[in-house]
Each structure stands twice: as structure tokens, then as C-alpha cells.
């Protein structure tokens, strides 16, 4: 049974939501490794030089229609390349044994119920569905990070906003400057991350040329959220060739700012990870770093750097339907190691997630493809967690999320599988997992939730949950919906972010959205939310309005 409750504008979905999972130590066969795949690879050194704010030039102004056509063209390129990769046969997937749903009955203390999922701020960004601060899009894909009540918020195609009061009101952060001659147009795929140790917000945007044949990644440094960008680094991974560094995202380790690129052109040229010295970037100085590119005998794969990393960064792809490949890159090394982990078979066919008032399928073939647009990684408590969206299989009648929990051993690449969590809802699809880690090493999750196999499901929206001692898995996760929605779009974006809340590092921030009353731009219900456990609520309440030093 599900119980719907309306509380402070937040719709809570409670009950035994996860019905299947696999727990326990793994004692499988030896990893199956293609002989052409090396377990380690050496990166190359690189240096990025910033463009200072005083040298920014206005970017070219394009109509909303032109930008939408460019967005559709890039999406078609993504699908074309992904469709060239063979998806595993669902017949190989065996039904997973059921796992009892988690039940939390914590004691109540003066600060509330320790295990309660608390959604603090949950506010709408009213500028995200307008053209006020740039170009908005129905593929909203909002990203944000905070510094106390100061919030920096971006989204497709290229708008950037900020708030100084936790999202009660929003203001424009200005237009993106023009990029280099090879890729002058700030296009989209924006991301945001806050480095609390250095007090700097890094945010990125994909720059392209007019024909979508060349591109660079712009990484901005913003030392004070309400003021201005201090500089930008234009990362050109292919200065001698026309290649688009598609799908860039940001992450941090102790010493580096990481970004990735799915390098596409006439074909797929590899999954690239680039990192640069965070101290030098925070100072807007020439930033040294490393670059590494991976190809794959099994076809196109995407790598996204993980969250929660300290002195070792982790990232992963699904190698085969029953094997993960997990990469590790230590801050003090130029060598990237990788480990192959065997798991229960997964299914990567195109899922049906029709729902909402209009009964439209929001999930495209990219969402549940082995190529990996839905793969995410988090690090904490001596474990690496990897997640991916999959199509119905193993007793799960709707699209759902499969994960692997890996214990880190004596060396960074000594990984042991200890759990295979499954996020599965009995009446609706779950997908597009986005994950972050707090200071305790717990994981905050924001997922797409809605639609159903066979149609007739609720409208897709964003829901948040936590994997920790209260909901440890492999099943029994509880999620709270943060955006009211009535309609399904024909494509739902995956750039919403889960970040460590600053300065209370035990809570999380997230973005998300849904469509309320229709599927037009004006119907976007774009959200910024902060969430955590009841035991940490006093930390959150004490510090969420603390104005940072300037």
C-alpha cells in the first residue's frame, strides 16, 4: 500500500518501494577480460590557460528555434551512435531473488526522528521556464550547487541564475561569453559543483560551432555566487580536429577538478577524462593536469567522474550485461587502473515508460542503453557504488535501477562486490540515477520516477532518497517526490545534480523538474531542494542561512 501525503509542498511517497535485490558477498567466477583491454593506462600531461573576465566577449545570439534545432540534431547524433552498439539479449537475465523491504523504526530524540527523510528547502526556480536569463528549453536539465543561502543554478539550453536567499527569489547571473573561434556558441549540457574547501563554485557549459561539428568545454570559476565569473577555461580536447566533447560533467577530488567528454564526430572517438589542478583553477592561473582517453572493443561507452572522491577518483562503465569495469585514478599518479566486476545479468533494451495525462513515453533508448548515459558513481565509507538504469527484467515489471556496492581493499583497485542494490517500484518506472556523497560517506539519490510499462503511469518527476544505515539496501529504499507533475515529455533530461550541502556537509542539495498542466516551456516546474536525515536536521537548520565570507 502507498500513502500519499502533502506536506509543505512536498509530495511524499512512502511504503515498500523496492521489491527485488541481491545481497551478500560475491563469490563468482574470475573476471572475463577482453585480451585487448589493458587493466591500466597512462595519462598525458596538459595545461589549461584561463580567459579572464575582463577579456570576455559577447556570445552570438541565436533564436530559440535555432537552438532547439541544434539540440535535436545533437540528440539524434547521440541516438545514432548508441544504436550502433548491440544491446544485451534480455533472455540472458535471470530473475533476482526477492529481498524484504527495509523497515525503519527509530527512536525519537529532541532533534526529531533520526532516520526520517527530511526535505528542507524545496523551491521553484521561476526563471528556468523563461528566456529572462538566457535560453530556456523544455529539456530543462537543471543543475545547481549552494554556499549557504547563495545558490547557483543553470540549465538548458544556456541560462544561469542565482539566489541569495535559498531560492525564495532568483536573479540573472548574466549571459555566457563567446567561446573560441572553433566553438563560439554556448550551447547547453550545463553543470555546477561547489568546492567547499576553496570556497569556489565551478560550472561548465558545452560550446559548439553552428554546424555542431566542433566543440569545447567551458569551465567557469566563480568565487562569489552573487557577483560574477572570475575566469573561464576553454578545454579543447581535439584542437587539430573537429570533434564535439559531448555530455560533459564536473566532479572534484582533493586536488583536481574533473570533467569528462563523450567524443563524437563522424563516429565515436572515445570516452575522455580530463583533470586540472584545483588550486590553480581557483586562482585563475595556468592549471596543470592530465588527460586520458578510453576506447572499447565492445563499442561506445561513456565515463562520468564520481562524487565523494578524496585522494582517488572512481568512474565506471557497464562492460557487458553481467560485468562492470571500474576505473580508479589516484591524485598522486598519472596512471589509471581498472577492475572488472562480475554481477547478475542486466537488461538494456528500450523501456516503455508511458504516463501522465497525455500518456507519453518519457524514456528514450539512451536511458536504458548499455552505452551508459545513465551510469553514475559515488565514493564513501570505504566503498564505491555504481548505478545504472535498466529495462524490465528479473521480476521487475518496469524500468528500474541496478547498482553494485564495492568494498575498497588494500589497494585502490582491489574492489570486492558485497551488494547488488535494486531500486524498483511495483507500479512505475525508475531511472536516470544521479548520486552524490555527503561528509559521512552516505549517498544522496535523485531519480526520474514515473510512467509505466504498458502505459498509464503517473507523470515523470524527480524523487530523492538516501542510501545509508537507515536504508542500506539491497531493497527497501524510500523516496520523496520534489516536483509536482501532470504530463510526460517525449524526453526527460538527466542533468539534475545531487551535491553536498554547504556548509552542513551531512545534508544534500538537488535539482529536478516535472511538467505541470502541459508540456510547454511555461509548464516546467524546475526545483531546487535540500534534503537529509532527521538526525542531521539541526546541523542543516543551524547553517543553511549562514552567509559565506567574501
Foldseek 3Di string as FASTA:
>chain_A
DWDWDQDPNWTFTDDFFFWFWWFFFDDDDDFDDDPVDDQKDFWDKDKWAWAFPVRFAAFDDDDLVLLVVVVVVVVVQVVVQLVVFDFDDQVQFAAGDTDDAFDFDADADPLGGFFDWDWDDKEFAQCQLDCPFHHHDLLWLKEWADAQLWIWIATPFTGIWIGQGNHPYIDGQHGHGFDDPQFGAFGHLKYWFADVVLQKIKMWTWTHDSVRQATWIWIWIDNARVPHTGIITTGHPCPPGRWGQPNWYWEDEAFWIKIWGQTDHVHTDFIKIKIWGPVCVNVSGITMTTMDTDDAPSHAAYWGWAAPHYQKIKIWAANHQFKIKIWIDGNVRSMIGIDIDGHRGFGQAFFAFFAFPVRAGAGGSVFRGSNYPQWYWYDFPQKIKIKGWGADHSPAQGIWMKMWIWGQDPDRHPTTTRTIAIRGGNQGHKTLWAWHAFPRRKIKIKIWIWGGGVTHIAETKIWIWICDPSRPDSGNTTIITSEDERHYDNHHHRNKHWHQHPPLRQKIKIKMWYAHPDSRSSRIRIIIIIIHGSVCVVVCVVRSNPDDDD
